[in-house]
Amino acid sequence: MDESGNNQNRRNKRSLVLIAARLRTQQGTVEVRLRNLSRNGALLEADVPPPEGTEVVFERGETIAPARVAWVSKDRFGIQFDRPIEESEVLIHIGKPQHNGEMDPRAFRRAGFRERPLKAGERQIGEAWFHSLGTATPLGE
């Protein structure tokens, strides 16, 4: 049964993410995309999800948690952990950027024009480009 949209069954807050993880199954390792996570379970996505009821081991970073596939719908599926996990351990590297309240002005700079006059060849290229656009001369002249 697809419980992905059923918020009535949610006991814990879910963290929305999109990061890589993996599942170990008896058939081998499955690379998955972690879509959301709570202490009790996770919404995962895979090209070929394991069948409902499959016992799996969820792995992400230092977190290794036995779980069971609770439901499957197309390429998405939910797992329920055998024991609650500390989701902060899984999400530790995804925190908000840290800064001291001041933004580094270099972080949002856009490329600007050089402050020197154009050389003759550069001016010819620029004028040819303006003419190709149907503009007689650049603005500012």
Foldseek 3Di string as FASTA:
>chain_A
DDCPPPPVPDPWDKDADWDWWWKQFPVGIFIWTFGIDTQFKTKIFGQDDDDFQTWIWIGAVPDTFIWGFHDDDRRITMITTPGGDDVCVRCVVVDDDDDPPDDDVVVPDDDDDDPDDDDPVRLVVVCVVCVVVVHRDDPPD
